[in-house]
Amino acid sequence: MPMDPSTNLPEDGLDSPLSVADRMRQQQTIEMVRKALDEKRAMLAYQPVVQARMTNRAAFYEAFIRILDDKGRVIPARDFMGEVETHELGRRIDCLALELGLAALAKEPSIRLSVNMSARSIGYPQWLAVLERGLRADPSVAERLILEITESSAMVMPDLVTVFMADMQARGICFALDDFGAGYTAFRYLKDFYFDIIKIDGQFIRNIANDPDNQVLAQALVSIGRHFDMFTVAESVETAEDARYLIDIGFDCLQGYYYGVPATEAPWLTSRLSKLA
């Protein structure tokens, strides 16, 4: 391969210092996640999704997987999911998130919980085994389990997703379409998917009280949700002004830092303890 004499690197730049450093970072991330999964160093963080008309009450909680490094530091999913989503490690993360979520539901019968998953995990035998094992151990968790699938993930394999959803909904499980509007939405699939919940992506929600463009888009997305009989959730609600506007235009639920950050301490336990104090 011809070399650039000024840099002593291939002229096509494939092995530039930046690309080498990026590959090394990716490999280190993948190895860190693999080791954490092998040792089951993970936990869930919970964020409330509140009812729009009774914002002091959580309709359900979203569970986010958190990996712990070898020093016990919490690593949020955004720092590693991009590297492992299409690898088997992504499926293993989904398995562990589901296992932890089912355990939380079995332990606390008063809550509903949403667990994130990739559509790719539907065909992963270990993930299906975790789900079946959890439902057999406590069939009541099915009606309190919500499986969240991102719009981009669902559109990768719509036929597989629709069949799986129909089977699981017959057993009581709900499905949420996450980050709706974030990608190239295939609206024609909505009538086939039958999602129970539609979560509007935060890019349409932030500063909505002062953004006419987002106001028009959010109202349109809420109308789509209503048309297909889907429960609507606004993501990334961060201010009182935005919350008031979203309630006024008819969102069913709100989620965001204004109502609570994801916390590894179960919020239903902390609120219960505060009432007893």
C-alpha atoms as a PDB file:
ATOM      1  CA  MET A   1       0.000   0.000   0.000  1.00  0.00           C
ATOM      2  CA  PRO A   2       1.436   3.445  -0.942  1.00  0.00           C
ATOM      3  CA  MET A   3       2.610   5.461   2.037  1.00  0.00           C
ATOM      4  CA  ASP A   4       2.463   9.210   2.618  1.00  0.00           C
ATOM      5  CA  PRO A   5       6.110  10.107   3.436  1.00  0.00           C
ATOM      6  CA  SER A   6       5.063  13.121   5.508  1.00  0.00           C
ATOM      7  CA  THR A   7       3.057  10.989   7.936  1.00  0.00           C
ATOM      8  CA  ASN A   8       4.379   7.461   7.372  1.00  0.00           C
ATOM      9  CA  LEU A   9       0.713   6.376   7.073  1.00  0.00           C
ATOM     10  CA  PRO A  10      -1.253   4.875   4.195  1.00  0.00           C
ATOM     11  CA  GLU A  11      -2.323   7.547   1.724  1.00  0.00           C
ATOM     12  CA  ASP A  12      -5.972   6.524   1.938  1.00  0.00           C
ATOM     13  CA  GLY A  13      -6.004   7.485   5.620  1.00  0.00           C
ATOM     14  CA  LEU A  14      -7.643   4.242   6.757  1.00  0.00           C
ATOM     15  CA  ASP A  15      -5.041   3.821   9.481  1.00  0.00           C
ATOM     16  CA  SER A  16      -4.789   7.429  10.577  1.00  0.00           C
ATOM     17  CA  PRO A  17      -4.098   8.086  14.261  1.00  0.00           C
ATOM     18  CA  LEU A  18      -7.703   9.183  14.756  1.00  0.00           C
ATOM     19  CA  SER A  19      -9.176   6.024  13.227  1.00  0.00           C
ATOM     20  CA  VAL A  20      -6.793   3.836  15.228  1.00  0.00           C
ATOM     21  CA  ALA A  21      -7.698   5.664  18.448  1.00  0.00           C
ATOM     22  CA  ASP A  22     -11.414   5.310  17.634  1.00  0.00           C
ATOM     23  CA  ARG A  23     -11.075   1.567  17.032  1.00  0.00           C
ATOM     24  CA  MET A  24      -9.157   1.170  20.283  1.00  0.00           C
ATOM     25  CA  ARG A  25     -11.850   3.083  22.177  1.00  0.00           C
ATOM     26  CA  GLN A  26     -14.559   0.904  20.660  1.00  0.00           C
ATOM     27  CA  GLN A  27     -12.673  -2.261  21.552  1.00  0.00           C
ATOM     28  CA  GLN A  28     -12.123  -1.053  25.113  1.00  0.00           C
ATOM     29  CA  THR A  29     -15.819  -0.198  25.480  1.00  0.00           C
ATOM     30  CA  ILE A  30     -16.884  -3.592  24.155  1.00  0.00           C
ATOM     31  CA  GLU A  31     -14.457  -5.394  26.445  1.00  0.00           C
ATOM     32  CA  MET A  32     -15.599  -3.367  29.474  1.00  0.00           C
ATOM     33  CA  VAL A  33     -19.246  -4.204  28.768  1.00  0.00           C
ATOM     34  CA  ARG A  34     -18.483  -7.884  28.133  1.00  0.00           C
ATOM     35  CA  LYS A  35     -16.617  -8.210  31.417  1.00  0.00           C
ATOM     36  CA  ALA A  36     -19.375  -6.416  33.337  1.00  0.00           C
ATOM     37  CA  LEU A  37     -22.015  -8.707  31.847  1.00  0.00           C
ATOM     38  CA  ASP A  38     -19.968 -11.806  32.623  1.00  0.00           C
ATOM     39  CA  GLU A  39     -19.822 -10.683  36.251  1.00  0.00           C
ATOM     40  CA  LYS A  40     -23.421  -9.332  36.239  1.00  0.00           C
ATOM     41  CA  ARG A  41     -22.255  -5.892  37.290  1.00  0.00           C
ATOM     42  CA  ALA A  42     -25.410  -4.025  36.351  1.00  0.00           C
ATOM     43  CA  MET A  43     -28.458  -2.364  37.857  1.00  0.00           C
ATOM     44  CA  LEU A  44     -31.570  -0.510  36.762  1.00  0.00           C
ATOM     45  CA  ALA A  45     -32.278   3.190  37.114  1.00  0.00           C
ATOM     46  CA  TYR A  46     -35.950   4.185  37.271  1.00  0.00           C
ATOM     47  CA  GLN A  47     -37.629   7.338  35.962  1.00  0.00           C
ATOM     48  CA  PRO A  48     -41.301   8.119  36.619  1.00  0.00           C
ATOM     49  CA  VAL A  49     -43.772   8.629  33.785  1.00  0.00           C
ATOM     50  CA  VAL A  50     -46.512  10.723  35.385  1.00  0.00           C
ATOM     51  CA  GLN A  51     -50.175  11.085  34.569  1.00  0.00           C
ATOM     52  CA  ALA A  52     -50.856  14.416  32.867  1.00  0.00           C
ATOM     53  CA  ARG A  53     -53.937  15.188  34.951  1.00  0.00           C
ATOM     54  CA  MET A  54     -52.446  13.889  38.207  1.00  0.00           C
ATOM     55  CA  THR A  55     -48.747  14.658  37.942  1.00  0.00           C
ATOM     56  CA  ASN A  56     -48.096  13.581  41.527  1.00  0.00           C
ATOM     57  CA  ARG A  57     -48.824   9.991  40.488  1.00  0.00           C
ATOM     58  CA  ALA A  58     -46.676   7.751  38.321  1.00  0.00           C
ATOM     59  CA  ALA A  59     -48.519   5.845  35.605  1.00  0.00           C
ATOM     60  CA  PHE A  60     -45.421   3.662  35.297  1.00  0.00           C
ATOM     61  CA  TYR A  61     -41.649   3.786  35.616  1.00  0.00           C
ATOM     62  CA  GLU A  62     -39.136   3.393  32.806  1.00  0.00           C
ATOM     63  CA  ALA A  63     -36.180   1.171  33.672  1.00  0.00           C
ATOM     64  CA  PHE A  64     -32.779   2.062  32.222  1.00  0.00           C
ATOM     65  CA  ILE A  65     -29.906  -0.419  32.331  1.00  0.00           C
ATOM     66  CA  ARG A  66     -26.723   0.783  34.026  1.00  0.00           C
ATOM     67  CA  ILE A  67     -23.416  -1.072  33.734  1.00  0.00           C
ATOM     68  CA  LEU A  68     -20.839  -0.863  36.525  1.00  0.00           C
ATOM     69  CA  ASP A  69     -17.149  -0.730  35.668  1.00  0.00           C
ATOM     70  CA  ASP A  70     -14.548  -2.672  37.647  1.00  0.00           C
ATOM     71  CA  LYS A  71     -14.299   0.197  40.154  1.00  0.00           C
ATOM     72  CA  GLY A  72     -18.047   0.204  40.782  1.00  0.00           C
ATOM     73  CA  ARG A  73     -18.728   3.419  38.857  1.00  0.00           C
ATOM     74  CA  VAL A  74     -22.097   3.613  37.080  1.00  0.00           C
ATOM     75  CA  ILE A  75     -21.875   3.783  33.285  1.00  0.00           C
ATOM     76  CA  PRO A  76     -25.104   4.982  31.594  1.00  0.00           C
ATOM     77  CA  ALA A  77     -26.329   3.198  28.472  1.00  0.00           C
ATOM     78  CA  ARG A  78     -25.627   6.174  26.203  1.00  0.00           C
ATOM     79  CA  ASP A  79     -21.899   5.614  26.787  1.00  0.00           C
ATOM     80  CA  PHE A  80     -21.881   2.086  25.388  1.00  0.00           C
ATOM     81  CA  MET A  81     -25.088   1.145  23.549  1.00  0.00           C
ATOM     82  CA  GLY A  82     -23.927   2.699  20.303  1.00  0.00           C
ATOM     83  CA  GLU A  83     -20.933   0.384  20.292  1.00  0.00           C
ATOM     84  CA  VAL A  84     -22.748  -2.840  21.166  1.00  0.00           C
ATOM     85  CA  GLU A  85     -26.285  -2.441  19.781  1.00  0.00           C
ATOM     86  CA  THR A  86     -25.676  -4.583  16.691  1.00  0.00           C
ATOM     87  CA  HIS A  87     -23.433  -7.106  18.514  1.00  0.00           C
ATOM     88  CA  GLU A  88     -24.469 -10.082  20.619  1.00  0.00           C
ATOM     89  CA  LEU A  89     -23.523  -7.956  23.626  1.00  0.00           C
ATOM     90  CA  GLY A  90     -26.543  -5.801  22.829  1.00  0.00           C
ATOM     91  CA  ARG A  91     -28.753  -8.873  23.114  1.00  0.00           C
ATOM     92  CA  ARG A  92     -27.120  -9.847  26.402  1.00  0.00           C
ATOM     93  CA  ILE A  93     -27.763  -6.352  27.756  1.00  0.00           C
ATOM     94  CA  ASP A  94     -31.426  -6.709  26.798  1.00  0.00           C
ATOM     95  CA  CYS A  95     -31.511 -10.073  28.595  1.00  0.00           C
ATOM     96  CA  LEU A  96     -30.095  -8.629  31.795  1.00  0.00           C
ATOM     97  CA  ALA A  97     -32.350  -5.542  31.681  1.00  0.00           C
ATOM     98  CA  LEU A  98     -35.398  -7.773  31.255  1.00  0.00           C
ATOM     99  CA  GLU A  99     -34.279 -10.122  34.027  1.00  0.00           C
ATOM    100  CA  LEU A 100     -33.803  -7.222  36.451  1.00  0.00           C
ATOM    101  CA  GLY A 101     -37.094  -5.635  35.394  1.00  0.00           C
ATOM    102  CA  LEU A 102     -39.084  -8.834  35.885  1.00  0.00           C
ATOM    103  CA  ALA A 103     -37.490  -9.281  39.312  1.00  0.00           C
ATOM    104  CA  ALA A 104     -38.511  -5.728  40.295  1.00  0.00           C
ATOM    105  CA  LEU A 105     -42.089  -6.344  39.150  1.00  0.00           C
ATOM    106  CA  ALA A 106     -42.285  -9.619  41.057  1.00  0.00           C
ATOM    107  CA  LYS A 107     -40.969  -7.905  44.195  1.00  0.00           C
ATOM    108  CA  GLU A 108     -43.290  -4.873  44.019  1.00  0.00           C
ATOM    109  CA  PRO A 109     -46.853  -5.734  42.872  1.00  0.00           C
ATOM    110  CA  SER A 110     -48.039  -2.101  42.981  1.00  0.00           C
ATOM    111  CA  ILE A 111     -45.974  -0.831  40.026  1.00  0.00           C
ATOM    112  CA  ARG A 112     -45.909  -0.968  36.251  1.00  0.00           C
ATOM    113  CA  LEU A 113     -42.504  -0.958  34.608  1.00  0.00           C
ATOM    114  CA  SER A 114     -41.258  -0.395  31.068  1.00  0.00           C
ATOM    115  CA  VAL A 115     -38.089  -2.144  29.917  1.00  0.00           C
ATOM    116  CA  ASN A 116     -36.189  -1.158  26.797  1.00  0.00           C
ATOM    117  CA  MET A 117     -35.378  -3.751  24.166  1.00  0.00           C
ATOM    118  CA  SER A 118     -34.177  -3.948  20.596  1.00  0.00           C
ATOM    119  CA  ALA A 119     -36.320  -5.646  17.975  1.00  0.00           C
ATOM    120  CA  ARG A 120     -33.212  -7.732  17.270  1.00  0.00           C
ATOM    121  CA  SER A 121     -33.714  -9.455  20.629  1.00  0.00           C
ATOM    122  CA  ILE A 122     -37.017 -10.970  19.536  1.00  0.00           C
ATOM    123  CA  GLY A 123     -35.111 -13.643  17.665  1.00  0.00           C
ATOM    124  CA  TYR A 124     -32.531 -14.162  20.427  1.00  0.00           C
ATOM    125  CA  PRO A 125     -33.325 -17.449  22.234  1.00  0.00           C
ATOM    126  CA  GLN A 126     -31.817 -16.395  25.569  1.00  0.00           C
ATOM    127  CA  TRP A 127     -33.933 -13.229  25.712  1.00  0.00           C
ATOM    128  CA  LEU A 128     -37.103 -15.182  24.982  1.00  0.00           C
ATOM    129  CA  ALA A 129     -36.101 -17.707  27.642  1.00  0.00           C
ATOM    130  CA  VAL A 130     -35.720 -14.917  30.234  1.00  0.00           C
ATOM    131  CA  LEU A 131     -39.173 -13.587  29.348  1.00  0.00           C
ATOM    132  CA  GLU A 132     -40.852 -16.995  29.502  1.00  0.00           C
ATOM    133  CA  ARG A 133     -39.140 -17.867  32.775  1.00  0.00           C
ATOM    134  CA  GLY A 134     -40.305 -14.622  34.354  1.00  0.00           C
ATOM    135  CA  LEU A 135     -43.890 -15.072  33.183  1.00  0.00           C
ATOM    136  CA  ARG A 136     -44.009 -18.648  34.429  1.00  0.00           C
ATOM    137  CA  ALA A 137     -42.644 -17.675  37.834  1.00  0.00           C
ATOM    138  CA  ASP A 138     -45.272 -14.931  38.263  1.00  0.00           C
ATOM    139  CA  PRO A 139     -47.924 -14.647  35.511  1.00  0.00           C
ATOM    140  CA  SER A 140     -49.263 -11.441  37.080  1.00  0.00           C
ATOM    141  CA  VAL A 141     -46.205  -9.471  35.937  1.00  0.00           C
ATOM    142  CA  ALA A 142     -47.351  -9.662  32.296  1.00  0.00           C
ATOM    143  CA  GLU A 143     -50.084  -7.072  32.855  1.00  0.00           C
ATOM    144  CA  ARG A 144     -47.591  -4.728  34.533  1.00  0.00           C
ATOM    145  CA  LEU A 145     -44.771  -5.137  31.989  1.00  0.00           C
ATOM    146  CA  ILE A 146     -44.290  -2.666  29.152  1.00  0.00           C
ATOM    147  CA  LEU A 147     -41.717  -3.437  26.475  1.00  0.00           C
ATOM    148  CA  GLU A 148     -40.279  -0.333  24.805  1.00  0.00           C
ATOM    149  CA  ILE A 149     -38.993  -0.613  21.253  1.00  0.00           C
ATOM    150  CA  THR A 150     -37.417   2.360  19.489  1.00  0.00           C
ATOM    151  CA  GLU A 151     -38.936   3.478  16.227  1.00  0.00           C
ATOM    152  CA  SER A 152     -35.682   2.849  14.325  1.00  0.00           C
ATOM    153  CA  SER A 153     -35.390  -0.667  15.754  1.00  0.00           C
ATOM    154  CA  ALA A 154     -38.999  -1.571  14.999  1.00  0.00           C
ATOM    155  CA  MET A 155     -38.702  -0.471  11.387  1.00  0.00           C
ATOM    156  CA  VAL A 156     -35.716  -2.787  10.804  1.00  0.00           C
ATOM    157  CA  MET A 157     -37.930  -5.897  10.971  1.00  0.00           C
ATOM    158  CA  PRO A 158     -41.603  -4.823  11.081  1.00  0.00           C
ATOM    159  CA  ASP A 159     -43.067  -8.238  10.207  1.00  0.00           C
ATOM    160  CA  LEU A 160     -41.265  -9.990  13.073  1.00  0.00           C
ATOM    161  CA  VAL A 161     -42.236  -7.209  15.493  1.00  0.00           C
ATOM    162  CA  THR A 162     -45.948  -7.303  14.620  1.00  0.00           C
ATOM    163  CA  VAL A 163     -46.204 -11.081  15.084  1.00  0.00           C
ATOM    164  CA  PHE A 164     -44.324 -10.972  18.391  1.00  0.00           C
ATOM    165  CA  MET A 165     -46.429  -8.080  19.669  1.00  0.00           C
ATOM    166  CA  ALA A 166     -49.679  -9.850  18.863  1.00  0.00           C
ATOM    167  CA  ASP A 167     -48.538 -12.977  20.733  1.00  0.00           C
ATOM    168  CA  MET A 168     -47.390 -11.068  23.815  1.00  0.00           C
ATOM    169  CA  GLN A 169     -50.349  -8.670  23.933  1.00  0.00           C
ATOM    170  CA  ALA A 170     -52.628 -11.706  24.089  1.00  0.00           C
ATOM    171  CA  ARG A 171     -50.792 -12.545  27.328  1.00  0.00           C
ATOM    172  CA  GLY A 172     -51.270  -9.064  28.779  1.00  0.00           C
ATOM    173  CA  ILE A 173     -47.960  -7.360  27.929  1.00  0.00           C
ATOM    174  CA  CYS A 174     -48.088  -3.763  26.636  1.00  0.00           C
ATOM    175  CA  PHE A 175     -45.792  -2.246  24.028  1.00  0.00           C
ATOM    176  CA  ALA A 176     -44.469   1.298  23.738  1.00  0.00           C
ATOM    177  CA  LEU A 177     -43.036   2.847  20.593  1.00  0.00           C
ATOM    178  CA  ASP A 178     -40.088   4.851  21.900  1.00  0.00           C
ATOM    179  CA  ASP A 179     -38.592   8.046  20.403  1.00  0.00           C
ATOM    180  CA  PHE A 180     -41.440   8.424  17.921  1.00  0.00           C
ATOM    181  CA  GLY A 181     -40.605  10.978  15.239  1.00  0.00           C
ATOM    182  CA  ALA A 182     -36.840  10.685  15.755  1.00  0.00           C
ATOM    183  CA  GLY A 183     -36.268   8.770  12.523  1.00  0.00           C
ATOM    184  CA  TYR A 184     -37.850   8.398   9.133  1.00  0.00           C
ATOM    185  CA  THR A 185     -41.232   7.385  10.450  1.00  0.00           C
ATOM    186  CA  ALA A 186     -43.029   4.770   8.372  1.00  0.00           C
ATOM    187  CA  PHE A 187     -46.578   5.847   9.217  1.00  0.00           C
ATOM    188  CA  ARG A 188     -48.037   3.040   7.141  1.00  0.00           C
ATOM    189  CA  TYR A 189     -46.779   0.546   9.721  1.00  0.00           C
ATOM    190  CA  LEU A 190     -48.644   2.134  12.642  1.00  0.00           C
ATOM    191  CA  LYS A 191     -51.944   0.526  11.741  1.00  0.00           C
ATOM    192  CA  ASP A 192     -50.207  -2.871  11.702  1.00  0.00           C
ATOM    193  CA  PHE A 193     -48.075  -2.499  14.829  1.00  0.00           C
ATOM    194  CA  TYR A 194     -50.862  -1.775  17.351  1.00  0.00           C
ATOM    195  CA  PHE A 195     -48.551  -0.196  19.908  1.00  0.00           C
ATOM    196  CA  ASP A 196     -50.341   0.539  23.169  1.00  0.00           C
ATOM    197  CA  ILE A 197     -48.193   3.569  23.992  1.00  0.00           C
ATOM    198  CA  ILE A 198     -46.456   6.089  21.768  1.00  0.00           C
ATOM    199  CA  LYS A 199     -43.632   8.189  23.237  1.00  0.00           C
ATOM    200  CA  ILE A 200     -42.931  11.427  21.378  1.00  0.00           C
ATOM    201  CA  ASP A 201     -39.210  12.120  20.981  1.00  0.00           C
ATOM    202  CA  GLY A 202     -37.732  14.904  23.097  1.00  0.00           C
ATOM    203  CA  GLN A 203     -36.617  16.982  20.111  1.00  0.00           C
ATOM    204  CA  PHE A 204     -40.279  17.944  19.637  1.00  0.00           C
ATOM    205  CA  ILE A 205     -40.860  18.591  23.354  1.00  0.00           C
ATOM    206  CA  ARG A 206     -37.975  20.706  24.672  1.00  0.00           C
ATOM    207  CA  ASN A 207     -38.905  24.400  24.883  1.00  0.00           C
ATOM    208  CA  ILE A 208     -42.257  23.642  23.248  1.00  0.00           C
ATOM    209  CA  ALA A 209     -43.977  26.442  25.150  1.00  0.00           C
ATOM    210  CA  ASN A 210     -41.901  28.940  23.137  1.00  0.00           C
ATOM    211  CA  ASP A 211     -41.406  27.082  19.857  1.00  0.00           C
ATOM    212  CA  PRO A 212     -44.269  27.394  17.338  1.00  0.00           C
ATOM    213  CA  ASP A 213     -42.727  24.775  15.031  1.00  0.00           C
ATOM    214  CA  ASN A 214     -42.562  22.165  17.781  1.00  0.00           C
ATOM    215  CA  GLN A 215     -46.090  23.081  18.859  1.00  0.00           C
ATOM    216  CA  VAL A 216     -47.459  22.235  15.406  1.00  0.00           C
ATOM    217  CA  LEU A 217     -45.428  19.019  15.171  1.00  0.00           C
ATOM    218  CA  ALA A 218     -46.331  17.818  18.679  1.00  0.00           C
ATOM    219  CA  GLN A 219     -50.031  18.476  18.110  1.00  0.00           C
ATOM    220  CA  ALA A 220     -49.849  16.459  14.892  1.00  0.00           C
ATOM    221  CA  LEU A 221     -48.092  13.571  16.638  1.00  0.00           C
ATOM    222  CA  VAL A 222     -50.650  13.588  19.458  1.00  0.00           C
ATOM    223  CA  SER A 223     -53.414  13.442  16.847  1.00  0.00           C
ATOM    224  CA  ILE A 224     -51.737  10.440  15.232  1.00  0.00           C
ATOM    225  CA  GLY A 225     -51.577   8.699  18.597  1.00  0.00           C
ATOM    226  CA  ARG A 226     -55.249   9.356  19.274  1.00  0.00           C
ATOM    227  CA  HIS A 227     -56.247   8.157  15.801  1.00  0.00           C
ATOM    228  CA  PHE A 228     -54.569   4.814  16.429  1.00  0.00           C
ATOM    229  CA  ASP A 229     -55.870   4.565  20.017  1.00  0.00           C
ATOM    230  CA  MET A 230     -52.398   4.838  21.515  1.00  0.00           C
ATOM    231  CA  PHE A 231     -51.606   6.311  24.910  1.00  0.00           C
ATOM    232  CA  THR A 232     -49.360   9.377  24.327  1.00  0.00           C
ATOM    233  CA  VAL A 233     -46.257  10.213  26.383  1.00  0.00           C
ATOM    234  CA  ALA A 234     -44.149  13.372  26.033  1.00  0.00           C
ATOM    235  CA  GLU A 235     -40.457  12.702  26.640  1.00  0.00           C
ATOM    236  CA  SER A 236     -37.824  15.167  27.903  1.00  0.00           C
ATOM    237  CA  VAL A 237     -40.189  17.469  29.818  1.00  0.00           C
ATOM    238  CA  GLU A 238     -37.873  19.873  31.626  1.00  0.00           C
ATOM    239  CA  THR A 239     -39.864  22.989  32.613  1.00  0.00           C
ATOM    240  CA  ALA A 240     -43.207  23.887  34.172  1.00  0.00           C
ATOM    241  CA  GLU A 241     -44.105  25.978  31.108  1.00  0.00           C
ATOM    242  CA  ASP A 242     -43.550  23.053  28.758  1.00  0.00           C
ATOM    243  CA  ALA A 243     -45.493  20.727  31.056  1.00  0.00           C
ATOM    244  CA  ARG A 244     -48.517  23.054  31.125  1.00  0.00           C
ATOM    245  CA  TYR A 245     -48.550  23.355  27.350  1.00  0.00           C
ATOM    246  CA  LEU A 246     -48.279  19.586  26.848  1.00  0.00           C
ATOM    247  CA  ILE A 247     -51.129  18.937  29.273  1.00  0.00           C
ATOM    248  CA  ASP A 248     -53.281  21.521  27.495  1.00  0.00           C
ATOM    249  CA  ILE A 249     -52.834  19.917  24.060  1.00  0.00           C
ATOM    250  CA  GLY A 250     -53.868  16.526  25.391  1.00  0.00           C
ATOM    251  CA  PHE A 251     -50.848  14.373  26.233  1.00  0.00           C
ATOM    252  CA  ASP A 252     -51.774  11.469  28.489  1.00  0.00           C
ATOM    253  CA  CYS A 253     -48.440  11.259  30.337  1.00  0.00           C
ATOM    254  CA  LEU A 254     -45.262  13.264  30.821  1.00  0.00           C
ATOM    255  CA  GLN A 255     -41.696  12.113  31.415  1.00  0.00           C
ATOM    256  CA  GLY A 256     -38.546  14.105  32.011  1.00  0.00           C
ATOM    257  CA  TYR A 257     -36.216  15.745  34.484  1.00  0.00           C
ATOM    258  CA  TYR A 258     -38.963  18.131  35.607  1.00  0.00           C
ATOM    259  CA  TYR A 259     -40.686  15.157  37.239  1.00  0.00           C
ATOM    260  CA  GLY A 260     -37.654  13.098  38.184  1.00  0.00           C
ATOM    261  CA  VAL A 261     -34.245  11.946  37.004  1.00  0.00           C
ATOM    262  CA  PRO A 262     -33.471   8.233  36.550  1.00  0.00           C
ATOM    263  CA  ALA A 263     -32.495   6.947  40.007  1.00  0.00           C
ATOM    264  CA  THR A 264     -31.030   3.613  40.997  1.00  0.00           C
ATOM    265  CA  GLU A 265     -32.950   3.832  44.260  1.00  0.00           C
ATOM    266  CA  ALA A 266     -36.458   2.575  43.577  1.00  0.00           C
ATOM    267  CA  PRO A 267     -38.652   5.731  43.697  1.00  0.00           C
ATOM    268  CA  TRP A 268     -41.725   3.843  44.900  1.00  0.00           C
ATOM    269  CA  LEU A 269     -39.739   2.825  47.986  1.00  0.00           C
ATOM    270  CA  THR A 270     -38.333   6.274  48.690  1.00  0.00           C
ATOM    271  CA  SER A 271     -41.758   7.930  48.359  1.00  0.00           C
ATOM    272  CA  ARG A 272     -43.218   5.328  50.688  1.00  0.00           C
ATOM    273  CA  LEU A 273     -40.484   5.943  53.254  1.00  0.00           C
ATOM    274  CA  SER A 274     -40.970   9.722  53.064  1.00  0.00           C
ATOM    275  CA  LYS A 275     -44.655   9.300  53.900  1.00  0.00           C
ATOM    276  CA  LEU A 276     -43.743   7.205  56.939  1.00  0.00           C
ATOM    277  CA  ALA A 277     -41.126   9.670  58.187  1.00  0.00           C
END
